Protein backbone atom coordinates (compact mmCIF):
# COMPACT_ATOMS: atom_id res chain seq x y z
CA MET A 1 0.00 0.00 0.00
CA GLU A 2 2.86 2.38 0.79
CA GLU A 3 4.27 2.14 -2.75
CA ILE A 4 0.85 2.59 -4.38
CA LEU A 5 0.21 5.62 -2.20
CA ARG A 6 3.60 7.09 -3.02
CA GLU A 7 2.92 6.80 -6.76
CA LYS A 8 -0.53 8.37 -6.40
CA ILE A 9 0.82 11.27 -4.31
CA LEU A 10 3.49 11.92 -6.95
CA GLU A 11 0.83 11.90 -9.69
CA PHE A 12 -1.38 14.23 -7.67
CA GLY A 13 1.53 16.50 -6.78
CA ALA A 14 2.53 16.88 -10.42
CA LYS A 15 -0.84 18.55 -11.09
CA ARG A 16 -0.68 20.97 -8.16
CA THR A 17 -0.33 24.69 -8.90
CA ARG A 18 2.01 24.87 -5.90
CA GLY A 19 4.29 22.27 -7.44
CA GLN A 20 5.40 18.77 -6.54
CA TYR A 21 5.64 17.60 -2.94
CA LYS A 22 9.08 17.27 -1.41
CA ASP A 23 10.23 13.68 -0.89
CA SER A 24 10.39 14.26 2.87
CA THR A 25 6.79 15.49 2.84
CA ILE A 26 5.61 12.39 0.96
CA LYS A 27 7.40 10.14 3.45
CA MET A 28 5.77 11.99 6.35
CA TYR A 29 2.30 11.74 4.78
CA ILE A 30 2.63 8.00 4.21
CA SER A 31 4.11 7.35 7.65
CA ASN A 32 1.39 9.35 9.41
CA CYS A 33 -1.31 7.69 7.34
CA ARG A 34 0.09 4.25 8.12
CA ASN A 35 0.08 5.04 11.83
CA PHE A 36 -3.42 6.46 11.50
CA GLN A 37 -4.64 3.24 9.86
CA ASN A 38 -3.06 1.17 12.62
CA LEU A 39 -4.78 3.35 15.19
CA VAL A 40 -8.17 2.78 13.54
CA GLU A 41 -7.91 -0.84 12.38
CA GLY A 42 -5.24 -2.30 14.64
CA GLU A 43 -3.09 -5.02 13.10
CA LYS A 44 -5.33 -5.43 10.05
CA GLU A 45 -3.41 -5.43 6.77
CA TRP A 46 -3.32 -2.00 5.11
CA ASN A 47 -4.89 -2.33 1.67
CA ASP A 48 -6.84 0.92 1.18
CA LEU A 49 -8.16 4.06 2.86
CA ASP A 50 -11.80 2.99 3.08
CA TRP A 51 -11.55 2.98 6.87
CA ALA A 52 -11.47 6.78 6.66
CA ARG A 53 -15.01 6.94 5.22
CA ASP A 54 -16.35 6.79 8.78
CA SER A 55 -14.94 10.17 9.79
CA LYS A 56 -16.64 10.21 13.19
CA ASP A 57 -15.12 6.91 14.30
CA THR A 58 -11.73 7.81 12.82
CA LEU A 59 -11.56 11.26 14.42
CA ASP A 60 -12.85 9.95 17.75
CA LYS A 61 -10.03 7.39 17.85
CA LEU A 62 -7.46 10.02 16.95
CA PHE A 63 -8.79 12.37 19.63
CA LYS A 64 -8.60 9.60 22.25
CA TYR A 65 -5.03 8.83 21.20
CA ALA A 66 -4.09 12.54 21.25
CA TYR A 67 -5.57 12.90 24.73
CA GLU A 68 -3.91 9.80 26.16
CA MET A 69 -0.51 10.50 24.60
CA LYS A 70 -0.78 14.26 25.23
CA ILE A 71 0.22 15.10 21.66
CA SER A 72 0.10 18.75 20.65
CA ALA A 73 -2.57 20.41 18.51
CA SER A 74 -0.01 20.83 15.73
CA THR A 75 0.87 17.10 15.72
CA HIS A 76 -2.82 16.21 15.88
CA ARG A 77 -3.38 18.50 12.90
CA ASN A 78 -0.47 16.99 10.96
CA TYR A 79 -1.98 13.49 11.23
CA ILE A 80 -5.22 14.77 9.75
CA ASN A 81 -3.50 16.80 7.06
CA SER A 82 -1.52 13.72 6.01
CA LEU A 83 -4.72 11.72 5.72
CA ILE A 84 -6.35 14.47 3.62
CA ALA A 85 -3.40 14.50 1.21
CA CYS A 86 -3.53 10.72 0.86
CA LEU A 87 -7.29 10.65 0.35
CA GLN A 88 -7.06 13.34 -2.33
CA ALA A 89 -4.22 11.54 -4.08
CA MET A 90 -6.22 8.30 -4.11
CA GLY A 91 -9.20 10.08 -5.68
CA TYR A 92 -11.64 10.01 -2.76
CA PRO A 93 -14.44 12.57 -3.19
CA GLY A 94 -14.91 15.79 -1.26
CA SER A 95 -17.69 14.20 0.79
CA VAL A 96 -15.03 11.99 2.38
CA THR A 97 -12.33 14.63 2.84
CA LYS A 98 -14.56 17.51 4.02
CA PRO A 99 -15.00 16.39 7.68
CA TYR A 100 -11.23 16.04 7.97
CA GLU A 101 -10.63 19.43 6.37
CA ASN A 102 -13.03 21.03 8.85
CA LYS A 103 -11.33 19.32 11.78
CA ARG A 104 -7.88 20.30 10.49
CA ASP A 105 -8.98 23.92 10.17
CA SER A 106 -10.34 23.83 13.71
CA LEU A 107 -7.03 22.55 15.06
CA THR A 108 -5.08 25.07 12.99
CA ALA A 109 -7.18 27.88 14.44
CA GLU A 110 -6.62 26.58 17.96
CA TYR A 111 -2.90 26.34 17.31
CA MET A 112 -2.61 29.83 15.83
CA LYS A 113 -5.15 31.74 17.90
CA LYS A 114 -3.56 34.20 20.29
CA GLY A 115 -6.41 36.60 20.83
CA ASN A 116 -8.19 38.18 17.89
CA LEU A 117 -9.66 41.33 19.39
CA THR A 118 -8.21 44.78 19.02
CA GLN A 119 -7.79 46.75 22.23
CA ASN A 120 -10.87 48.81 21.38
CA GLN A 121 -12.98 45.74 20.55
CA GLU A 122 -11.93 44.08 23.78
CA ALA A 123 -12.93 47.19 25.73
CA VAL A 124 -16.37 47.30 24.07
CA MET A 125 -17.04 43.58 24.57
CA SER A 126 -16.10 43.84 28.23
CA GLU A 127 -18.79 46.52 28.70
CA VAL A 128 -21.50 45.28 26.30
CA SER A 129 -22.39 41.57 26.24
CA LYS A 130 -24.14 39.55 23.59
CA SER A 131 -27.05 39.28 26.03
CA ASP A 132 -27.22 43.09 26.25
CA ILE A 133 -27.65 43.28 22.47
CA LEU A 134 -30.32 40.58 22.41
CA GLU A 135 -32.13 42.24 25.32
CA TYR A 136 -32.15 45.54 23.45
CA LEU A 137 -33.56 43.88 20.33
CA THR A 138 -36.29 42.22 22.39
CA ASN A 139 -37.34 45.27 24.41
CA ALA A 140 -36.82 48.15 21.96
CA ASP A 141 -39.90 50.28 21.30
CA LYS A 142 -40.11 49.68 17.55
CA PRO A 143 -43.47 51.41 16.96
CA SER A 144 -42.00 54.74 18.10
CA MET A 145 -38.91 54.53 15.86
CA ASN A 146 -38.35 56.79 12.89
CA GLN A 147 -37.22 55.32 9.57
CA MET A 148 -33.47 55.63 10.24
CA ASP A 149 -33.70 54.08 13.69
CA LEU A 150 -35.82 51.18 12.43
CA GLN A 151 -33.32 50.61 9.61
CA LEU A 152 -30.41 50.45 12.05
CA TYR A 153 -32.39 48.22 14.40
CA THR A 154 -33.02 45.91 11.43
CA VAL A 155 -29.32 45.90 10.52
CA ILE A 156 -28.38 44.77 14.03
CA ALA A 157 -31.10 42.12 14.04
CA ILE A 158 -30.05 40.72 10.66
CA HIS A 159 -26.42 40.54 11.77
CA THR A 160 -27.32 38.24 14.66
CA GLN A 161 -28.01 35.60 12.01
CA TYR A 162 -26.12 36.76 8.90
CA PRO A 163 -22.53 37.94 9.58
CA PHE A 164 -22.30 40.29 6.59
CA ARG A 165 -19.81 43.13 6.45
CA ASN A 166 -21.60 46.30 5.24
CA GLU A 167 -23.26 44.64 2.23
CA LEU A 168 -26.74 45.74 3.32
CA ALA A 169 -25.75 49.35 2.59
CA ASP A 170 -25.96 49.11 -1.20
CA MET A 171 -28.56 46.37 -1.36
CA LYS A 172 -31.57 46.77 -3.64
CA VAL A 173 -35.02 45.26 -3.16
CA VAL A 174 -36.46 43.57 -6.24
CA ARG A 175 -39.30 41.17 -7.05
CA LYS A 176 -38.21 37.77 -8.33
CA LEU A 177 -39.99 38.12 -11.68
CA THR A 178 -37.96 41.26 -12.34
CA PHE A 179 -34.75 39.81 -10.94
CA ASP A 180 -34.96 36.74 -13.19
CA LYS A 181 -35.06 38.98 -16.27
CA LEU A 182 -31.82 40.77 -15.34
CA SER A 183 -28.67 39.93 -17.26
CA PRO A 184 -25.73 38.37 -15.37
CA ASP A 185 -23.91 41.71 -15.46
CA GLU A 186 -26.97 43.54 -14.14
CA LYS A 187 -27.27 41.07 -11.28
CA LYS A 188 -23.61 41.56 -10.37
CA ALA A 189 -24.04 45.33 -10.25
CA ASN A 190 -25.71 45.20 -6.83
CA ASN A 191 -26.48 43.11 -3.80
CA TRP A 192 -30.15 42.16 -3.75
CA TYR A 193 -33.05 41.45 -1.44
CA VAL A 194 -35.16 39.28 -3.75
CA LEU A 195 -38.88 39.06 -2.96
CA LYS A 196 -40.02 35.59 -4.03
CA LYS A 197 -43.57 35.47 -2.69
CA GLY A 198 -44.85 38.88 -1.69
CA TRP A 199 -43.12 39.95 1.50
CA SER A 200 -43.40 36.47 3.02
CA GLU A 201 -40.47 34.80 1.20
CA ALA A 202 -37.16 36.38 0.24
CA ASP A 203 -33.49 35.68 -0.48
CA PHE A 204 -30.32 37.65 0.00
CA TYR A 205 -28.39 37.58 -3.26
CA ILE A 206 -24.85 38.79 -2.61
CA THR A 207 -22.52 39.70 -5.46
CA LYS A 208 -20.52 42.68 -4.17
CA TYR A 209 -18.38 41.79 -1.18
CA LYS A 210 -14.72 41.75 -0.21
CA THR A 211 -13.86 38.24 -1.42
CA ALA A 212 -16.35 37.95 -4.30
CA ASP A 213 -13.55 37.20 -6.77
CA ILE A 214 -12.72 34.09 -4.75
CA TYR A 215 -16.13 32.82 -3.62
CA GLY A 216 -18.48 34.17 -6.30
CA VAL A 217 -22.19 34.90 -6.02
CA LYS A 218 -23.95 33.82 -2.83
CA ALA A 219 -27.64 33.35 -2.11
CA PHE A 220 -29.24 32.83 1.32
CA GLU A 221 -32.85 32.46 2.35
CA VAL A 222 -34.09 35.28 4.56
CA VAL A 223 -35.69 33.72 7.63
CA ALA A 224 -38.23 35.12 10.08
CA PRO A 225 -38.44 37.60 11.71
CA PHE A 226 -36.15 39.57 9.40
CA ARG A 227 -38.62 39.57 6.49
CA ALA A 228 -41.17 41.23 8.78
CA TYR A 229 -38.72 43.98 9.74
CA VAL A 230 -38.09 44.77 6.07
CA HIS A 231 -41.82 44.77 5.36
CA LYS A 232 -42.37 47.18 8.26
CA LEU A 233 -39.71 49.51 6.83
CA TYR A 234 -41.53 49.65 3.52
CA LYS A 235 -44.89 50.23 5.19
CA MET A 236 -43.33 53.16 7.05
CA ARG A 237 -42.11 54.55 3.71
CA GLY A 238 -45.54 54.11 2.12
CA ILE A 239 -44.08 51.83 -0.54
CA ASN A 240 -46.20 48.83 -1.51
CA LEU A 241 -45.03 45.63 -3.17
CA THR A 242 -45.51 46.96 -6.71
CA LYS A 243 -43.43 50.07 -6.07
CA ALA A 244 -40.71 48.24 -4.12
CA ASN A 245 -38.91 47.13 -7.27
CA ASN A 246 -35.37 48.49 -7.60
CA THR A 247 -35.47 50.53 -4.39
CA TYR A 248 -32.70 50.58 -1.81
CA LEU A 249 -33.12 48.53 1.35
CA LEU A 250 -31.41 51.23 3.47
CA GLN A 251 -32.33 54.78 2.51
CA TRP A 252 -32.20 58.39 3.54
CA ASN A 253 -35.59 60.08 3.74
CA ASN A 254 -35.24 61.27 0.13
CA GLY A 255 -34.85 57.70 -1.12
CA SER A 256 -31.12 57.88 -1.85
CA PRO A 257 -29.10 54.94 -0.51
CA LEU A 258 -26.86 54.82 2.54
CA ASP A 259 -23.41 53.95 1.31
CA ARG A 260 -21.13 51.69 3.33
CA ASN A 261 -19.27 54.48 5.09
CA GLN A 262 -22.53 56.18 6.00
CA LEU A 263 -23.91 52.92 7.38
CA SER A 264 -20.79 52.48 9.52
CA LYS A 265 -21.14 55.98 10.98
CA LYS A 266 -24.88 55.76 11.59
CA LEU A 267 -24.59 52.30 13.16
CA ALA A 268 -21.82 53.51 15.47
CA GLN A 269 -23.95 56.48 16.57
CA PHE A 270 -27.04 54.33 17.04
CA THR A 271 -25.33 51.60 19.09
CA LYS A 272 -23.51 54.17 21.23
CA GLU A 273 -26.85 55.79 22.03
CA HIS A 274 -28.72 52.58 22.80
CA LEU A 275 -25.97 50.22 24.03
CA GLY A 276 -23.43 52.64 25.41
CA HIS A 277 -20.63 51.93 22.91
CA PRO A 278 -20.21 52.10 19.12
CA ILE A 279 -20.49 48.62 17.59
CA SER A 280 -19.56 47.84 13.99
CA THR A 281 -20.75 45.02 11.73
CA THR A 282 -17.33 43.41 12.21
CA LEU A 283 -17.82 43.38 15.96
CA LEU A 284 -21.36 42.03 15.56
CA ALA A 285 -19.85 39.11 13.64
CA LYS A 286 -17.58 38.44 16.61
CA TYR A 287 -20.46 38.67 19.09
CA PHE A 288 -22.67 36.25 17.19
CA GLY A 289 -20.08 33.94 15.66
CA VAL A 290 -20.63 30.25 16.40
CA ALA A 291 -17.72 28.70 18.27
CA ALA A 292 -17.03 25.16 19.44
CA LYS A 293 -17.50 24.53 23.15
CA ASP A 294 -14.37 22.40 22.99
CA PRO A 295 -12.03 23.78 20.29
CA GLN A 296 -10.01 20.57 20.41
CA LYS A 297 -13.09 18.48 19.61
CA PRO A 298 -15.77 20.46 17.76
CA THR A 299 -18.90 18.50 17.00
CA ALA A 300 -20.06 17.88 13.44
CA GLU A 301 -22.99 20.21 14.11
CA GLU A 302 -20.70 22.99 15.36
CA LEU A 303 -18.43 22.63 12.35
CA GLU A 304 -21.44 22.77 10.03
CA GLU A 305 -22.73 25.95 11.65
CA MET A 306 -19.28 27.54 11.58
CA ALA A 307 -18.93 26.63 7.91
CA LYS A 308 -22.31 28.25 7.18
CA GLN A 309 -21.26 31.48 8.86
CA ALA A 310 -17.95 31.45 7.00
CA ASP A 311 -19.86 31.01 3.74
CA ILE A 312 -22.16 33.96 4.50
CA ARG A 313 -19.26 36.25 5.35
CA GLY A 314 -17.26 35.06 2.35
CA HIS A 315 -14.13 33.59 3.82
CA SER A 316 -12.59 30.26 4.76
CA LEU A 317 -13.51 28.24 7.82
CA ILE A 318 -10.04 28.80 9.25
CA THR A 319 -10.47 32.61 8.96
CA LYS A 320 -13.85 32.36 10.69
CA MET A 321 -12.35 30.31 13.52
CA LEU A 322 -9.40 32.64 13.99
CA HIS A 323 -11.27 35.93 13.89
CA TYR A 324 -15.00 35.41 14.45
């Protein structure tokens, strides 16, 4: 098996944009994978990597070994990275490698993380808790709010579920029938709040964001109660469903859009007034980011939720774990 694996890794490495693996790296991958197989299957002859299809059992056994032998997070990570390289070289699909990639990223984040808050962010989070924000959202007197305040309230509420940057600032509202007739270039000209079934069903359609060149267009269903907040905004403006087409989600009173810098300033003013400190969309992502209870052993559900948040924000799982 070692010789077959070596040949496959060399074939795979020859196609890599980063170039061929070093011989020492190949030896390490094979050695780690061999030890990994022995850990999972005992003295059974090593003929393939099918034992890795059961990622839960495999990772559980590695975690137990790491705990008992007190191996470091970096060594733990290297075992998994070696297995990923071998699985990829042998042609196993992404459905097999993905749980290991998620676990590797979790361990990498744990290994690298040394505190990801700026001094100012740390000061704010020591004074304002996540519970304080949720309590404000629950108890705020929405009926008495003017349009700008209700918009900023809605921004905060949306960011408890969707860790955008400032993409809501230049987002347009459009009905699905209209949206479907737009050309690809027209769709990429804006971020969109797409009304699929009146005000009761909608999607975020995100095309303009920091890492769009890497991750492309993203679409996410808008869940309750956020659809209701948007509907309330439009009722306040006196804009019905027919007239909502091609209007800006966040507006000044004259209908012109808030740009991203304006949203940042208004949100800072609003949160300072109602929560005591200015809070940005970046900080909201840190407040409401999903994190594993045990960073050394995140559950499959935790990894899935973290991956979803990373996808919404438009970055890798490792970036999410390190910074949010």
